[in-house]
Amino acid sequence: MEKLPLIIIVCIIVAGIAFWVFNNPNGIGKGIDNGGINLKHTIEDATSRD
């Protein structure tokens, strides 16, 4: 019971860091979005019938 406040604080800090990493302009979330868009265009180019 004595360690419960420390565990809660650590969880809040970890959640905040994860939110910041995925949502800042240069974070992982932006990289994942860019990668998905590039993959989509690559697949569309490979399967298009020109």
PDB file of N, CA and C in Angstrom:
ATOM      1  N   MET A   1       0.814  -1.192   0.000  1.00  0.00           N
ATOM      2  CA  MET A   1       0.000   0.000   0.000  1.00  0.00           C
ATOM      3  C   MET A   1       0.858   1.256   0.000  1.00  0.00           C
ATOM      4  N   GLU A   2       2.059   1.144   0.565  1.00  0.00           N
ATOM      5  CA  GLU A   2       2.939   2.309   0.631  1.00  0.00           C
ATOM      6  C   GLU A   2       3.505   2.666  -0.742  1.00  0.00           C
ATOM      7  N   LYS A   3       3.626   1.683  -1.620  1.00  0.00           N
ATOM      8  CA  LYS A   3       4.207   1.918  -2.944  1.00  0.00           C
ATOM      9  C   LYS A   3       3.154   2.302  -3.978  1.00  0.00           C
ATOM     10  N   LEU A   4       1.895   2.250  -3.611  1.00  0.00           N
ATOM     11  CA  LEU A   4       0.822   2.534  -4.561  1.00  0.00           C
ATOM     12  C   LEU A   4       0.910   3.935  -5.160  1.00  0.00           C
ATOM     13  N   PRO A   5       1.135   5.002  -4.375  1.00  0.00           N
ATOM     14  CA  PRO A   5       1.256   6.336  -4.994  1.00  0.00           C
ATOM     15  C   PRO A   5       2.413   6.429  -5.985  1.00  0.00           C
ATOM     16  N   LEU A   6       3.525   5.772  -5.682  1.00  0.00           N
ATOM     17  CA  LEU A   6       4.668   5.779  -6.595  1.00  0.00           C
ATOM     18  C   LEU A   6       4.318   5.070  -7.896  1.00  0.00           C
ATOM     19  N   ILE A   7       3.632   3.955  -7.818  1.00  0.00           N
ATOM     20  CA  ILE A   7       3.242   3.206  -9.012  1.00  0.00           C
ATOM     21  C   ILE A   7       2.298   4.049  -9.869  1.00  0.00           C
ATOM     22  N   ILE A   8       1.362   4.739  -9.236  1.00  0.00           N
ATOM     23  CA  ILE A   8       0.416   5.577  -9.971  1.00  0.00           C
ATOM     24  C   ILE A   8       1.140   6.721 -10.669  1.00  0.00           C
ATOM     25  N   ILE A   9       2.086   7.349  -9.976  1.00  0.00           N
ATOM     26  CA  ILE A   9       2.852   8.452 -10.577  1.00  0.00           C
ATOM     27  C   ILE A   9       3.673   7.958 -11.756  1.00  0.00           C
ATOM     28  N   VAL A  10       4.314   6.806 -11.612  1.00  0.00           N
ATOM     29  CA  VAL A  10       5.112   6.248 -12.710  1.00  0.00           C
ATOM     30  C   VAL A  10       4.207   5.932 -13.904  1.00  0.00           C
ATOM     31  N   CYS A  11       3.029   5.390 -13.660  1.00  0.00           N
ATOM     32  CA  CYS A  11       2.095   5.082 -14.758  1.00  0.00           C
ATOM     33  C   CYS A  11       1.666   6.354 -15.489  1.00  0.00           C
ATOM     34  N   ILE A  12       1.407   7.419 -14.736  1.00  0.00           N
ATOM     35  CA  ILE A  12       1.012   8.680 -15.355  1.00  0.00           C
ATOM     36  C   ILE A  12       2.151   9.243 -16.197  1.00  0.00           C
ATOM     37  N   ILE A  13       3.375   9.159 -15.684  1.00  0.00           N
ATOM     38  CA  ILE A  13       4.531   9.664 -16.432  1.00  0.00           C
ATOM     39  C   ILE A  13       4.746   8.848 -17.705  1.00  0.00           C
ATOM     40  N   VAL A  14       4.663   7.545 -17.608  1.00  0.00           N
ATOM     41  CA  VAL A  14       4.852   6.678 -18.788  1.00  0.00           C
ATOM     42  C   VAL A  14       3.767   6.941 -19.826  1.00  0.00           C
ATOM     43  N   ALA A  15       2.524   7.101 -19.383  1.00  0.00           N
ATOM     44  CA  ALA A  15       1.438   7.389 -20.320  1.00  0.00           C
ATOM     45  C   ALA A  15       1.664   8.741 -20.999  1.00  0.00           C
ATOM     46  N   GLY A  16       2.133   9.727 -20.245  1.00  0.00           N
ATOM     47  CA  GLY A  16       2.418  11.035 -20.820  1.00  0.00           C
ATOM     48  C   GLY A  16       3.530  10.992 -21.847  1.00  0.00           C
ATOM     49  N   ILE A  17       4.584  10.250 -21.534  1.00  0.00           N
ATOM     50  CA  ILE A  17       5.703  10.117 -22.480  1.00  0.00           C
ATOM     51  C   ILE A  17       5.243   9.401 -23.749  1.00  0.00           C
ATOM     52  N   ALA A  18       4.457   8.338 -23.588  1.00  0.00           N
ATOM     53  CA  ALA A  18       3.962   7.608 -24.763  1.00  0.00           C
ATOM     54  C   ALA A  18       3.082   8.512 -25.621  1.00  0.00           C
ATOM     55  N   PHE A  19       2.212   9.294 -24.990  1.00  0.00           N
ATOM     56  CA  PHE A  19       1.351  10.219 -25.738  1.00  0.00           C
ATOM     57  C   PHE A  19       2.195  11.235 -26.495  1.00  0.00           C
ATOM     58  N   TRP A  20       3.213  11.774 -25.836  1.00  0.00           N
ATOM     59  CA  TRP A  20       4.064  12.786 -26.466  1.00  0.00           C
ATOM     60  C   TRP A  20       4.841  12.198 -27.640  1.00  0.00           C
ATOM     61  N   VAL A  21       5.394  10.984 -27.468  1.00  0.00           N
ATOM     62  CA  VAL A  21       6.194  10.365 -28.526  1.00  0.00           C
ATOM     63  C   VAL A  21       5.350  10.118 -29.771  1.00  0.00           C
ATOM     64  N   PHE A  22       4.104   9.674 -29.592  1.00  0.00           N
ATOM     65  CA  PHE A  22       3.280   9.341 -30.745  1.00  0.00           C
ATOM     66  C   PHE A  22       2.576  10.546 -31.345  1.00  0.00           C
ATOM     67  N   ASN A  23       2.430  11.630 -30.609  1.00  0.00           N
ATOM     68  CA  ASN A  23       1.617  12.735 -31.108  1.00  0.00           C
ATOM     69  C   ASN A  23       2.382  14.016 -31.388  1.00  0.00           C
ATOM     70  N   ASN A  24       3.678  14.072 -31.094  1.00  0.00           N
ATOM     71  CA  ASN A  24       4.382  15.306 -31.432  1.00  0.00           C
ATOM     72  C   ASN A  24       4.649  15.339 -32.934  1.00  0.00           C
ATOM     73  N   PRO A  25       4.895  16.499 -33.508  1.00  0.00           N
ATOM     74  CA  PRO A  25       5.002  16.623 -34.971  1.00  0.00           C
ATOM     75  C   PRO A  25       6.074  15.746 -35.602  1.00  0.00           C
ATOM     76  N   ASN A  26       7.149  15.459 -34.897  1.00  0.00           N
ATOM     77  CA  ASN A  26       8.224  14.645 -35.462  1.00  0.00           C
ATOM     78  C   ASN A  26       8.297  13.272 -34.812  1.00  0.00           C
ATOM     79  N   GLY A  27       7.232  12.835 -34.189  1.00  0.00           N
ATOM     80  CA  GLY A  27       7.257  11.599 -33.430  1.00  0.00           C
ATOM     81  C   GLY A  27       7.001  10.360 -34.256  1.00  0.00           C
ATOM     82  N   ILE A  28       6.868   9.261 -33.550  1.00  0.00           N
ATOM     83  CA  ILE A  28       6.677   7.960 -34.192  1.00  0.00           C
ATOM     84  C   ILE A  28       5.363   7.923 -34.964  1.00  0.00           C
ATOM     85  N   GLY A  29       4.325   8.558 -34.404  1.00  0.00           N
ATOM     86  CA  GLY A  29       3.020   8.542 -35.073  1.00  0.00           C
ATOM     87  C   GLY A  29       3.099   9.133 -36.471  1.00  0.00           C
ATOM     88  N   LYS A  30       3.833  10.212 -36.641  1.00  0.00           N
ATOM     89  CA  LYS A  30       3.988  10.846 -37.951  1.00  0.00           C
ATOM     90  C   LYS A  30       4.758   9.922 -38.899  1.00  0.00           C
ATOM     91  N   GLY A  31       5.774   9.264 -38.388  1.00  0.00           N
ATOM     92  CA  GLY A  31       6.539   8.322 -39.202  1.00  0.00           C
ATOM     93  C   GLY A  31       5.701   7.150 -39.666  1.00  0.00           C
ATOM     94  N   ILE A  32       4.839   6.661 -38.781  1.00  0.00           N
ATOM     95  CA  ILE A  32       3.954   5.555 -39.150  1.00  0.00           C
ATOM     96  C   ILE A  32       2.962   6.012 -40.219  1.00  0.00           C
ATOM     97  N   ASP A  33       2.414   7.215 -40.046  1.00  0.00           N
ATOM     98  CA  ASP A  33       1.490   7.754 -41.051  1.00  0.00           C
ATOM     99  C   ASP A  33       2.171   7.906 -42.404  1.00  0.00           C
ATOM    100  N   ASN A  34       3.376   8.466 -42.410  1.00  0.00           N
ATOM    101  CA  ASN A  34       4.109   8.654 -43.670  1.00  0.00           C
ATOM    102  C   ASN A  34       4.431   7.313 -44.316  1.00  0.00           C
ATOM    103  N   GLY A  35       4.825   6.350 -43.511  1.00  0.00           N
ATOM    104  CA  GLY A  35       5.126   5.024 -44.050  1.00  0.00           C
ATOM    105  C   GLY A  35       3.895   4.370 -44.651  1.00  0.00           C
ATOM    106  N   GLY A  36       2.755   4.531 -43.993  1.00  0.00           N
ATOM    107  CA  GLY A  36       1.510   3.969 -44.523  1.00  0.00           C
ATOM    108  C   GLY A  36       1.114   4.611 -45.832  1.00  0.00           C
ATOM    109  N   ILE A  37       1.280   5.917 -45.925  1.00  0.00           N
ATOM    110  CA  ILE A  37       0.947   6.625 -47.169  1.00  0.00           C
ATOM    111  C   ILE A  37       1.882   6.185 -48.288  1.00  0.00           C
ATOM    112  N   ASN A  38       3.180   6.077 -47.994  1.00  0.00           N
ATOM    113  CA  ASN A  38       4.135   5.633 -49.017  1.00  0.00           C
ATOM    114  C   ASN A  38       3.825   4.218 -49.477  1.00  0.00           C
ATOM    115  N   LEU A  39       3.479   3.343 -48.531  1.00  0.00           N
ATOM    116  CA  LEU A  39       3.148   1.964 -48.890  1.00  0.00           C
ATOM    117  C   LEU A  39       1.893   1.922 -49.751  1.00  0.00           C
ATOM    118  N   LYS A  40       0.907   2.734 -49.407  1.00  0.00           N
ATOM    119  CA  LYS A  40      -0.337   2.788 -50.189  1.00  0.00           C
ATOM    120  C   LYS A  40      -0.051   3.213 -51.623  1.00  0.00           C
ATOM    121  N   HIS A  41       0.757   4.257 -51.788  1.00  0.00           N
ATOM    122  CA  HIS A  41       1.084   4.731 -53.134  1.00  0.00           C
ATOM    123  C   HIS A  41       1.887   3.680 -53.906  1.00  0.00           C
ATOM    124  N   THR A  42       2.782   2.996 -53.236  1.00  0.00           N
ATOM    125  CA  THR A  42       3.572   1.949 -53.896  1.00  0.00           C
ATOM    126  C   THR A  42       2.675   0.824 -54.384  1.00  0.00           C
ATOM    127  N   ILE A  43       1.741   0.408 -53.542  1.00  0.00           N
ATOM    128  CA  ILE A  43       0.824  -0.663 -53.937  1.00  0.00           C
ATOM    129  C   ILE A  43      -0.084  -0.202 -55.078  1.00  0.00           C
ATOM    130  N   GLU A  44      -0.573   1.032 -54.993  1.00  0.00           N
ATOM    131  CA  GLU A  44      -1.420   1.552 -56.065  1.00  0.00           C
ATOM    132  C   GLU A  44      -0.654   1.642 -57.385  1.00  0.00           C
ATOM    133  N   ASP A  45       0.607   2.065 -57.329  1.00  0.00           N
ATOM    134  CA  ASP A  45       1.411   2.142 -58.543  1.00  0.00           C
ATOM    135  C   ASP A  45       1.693   0.767 -59.125  1.00  0.00           C
ATOM    136  N   ALA A  46       1.923  -0.209 -58.251  1.00  0.00           N
ATOM    137  CA  ALA A  46       2.252  -1.554 -58.721  1.00  0.00           C
ATOM    138  C   ALA A  46       1.036  -2.259 -59.295  1.00  0.00           C
ATOM    139  N   THR A  47      -0.151  -1.917 -58.828  1.00  0.00           N
ATOM    140  CA  THR A  47      -1.336  -2.623 -59.286  1.00  0.00           C
ATOM    141  C   THR A  47      -2.161  -1.845 -60.297  1.00  0.00           C
ATOM    142  N   SER A  48      -1.713  -0.643 -60.639  1.00  0.00           N
ATOM    143  CA  SER A  48      -2.467   0.133 -61.610  1.00  0.00           C
ATOM    144  C   SER A  48      -2.251  -0.436 -63.013  1.00  0.00           C
ATOM    145  N   ARG A  49      -3.257  -0.297 -63.851  1.00  0.00           N
ATOM    146  CA  ARG A  49      -3.175  -0.822 -65.205  1.00  0.00           C
ATOM    147  C   ARG A  49      -3.054   0.340 -66.175  1.00  0.00           C
ATOM    148  N   ASP A  50      -1.830   0.703 -66.460  1.00  0.00           N
ATOM    149  CA  ASP A  50      -1.580   1.812 -67.385  1.00  0.00           C
ATOM    150  C   ASP A  50      -1.331   1.313 -68.780  1.00  0.00           C
TER     151      ASP A  50
END
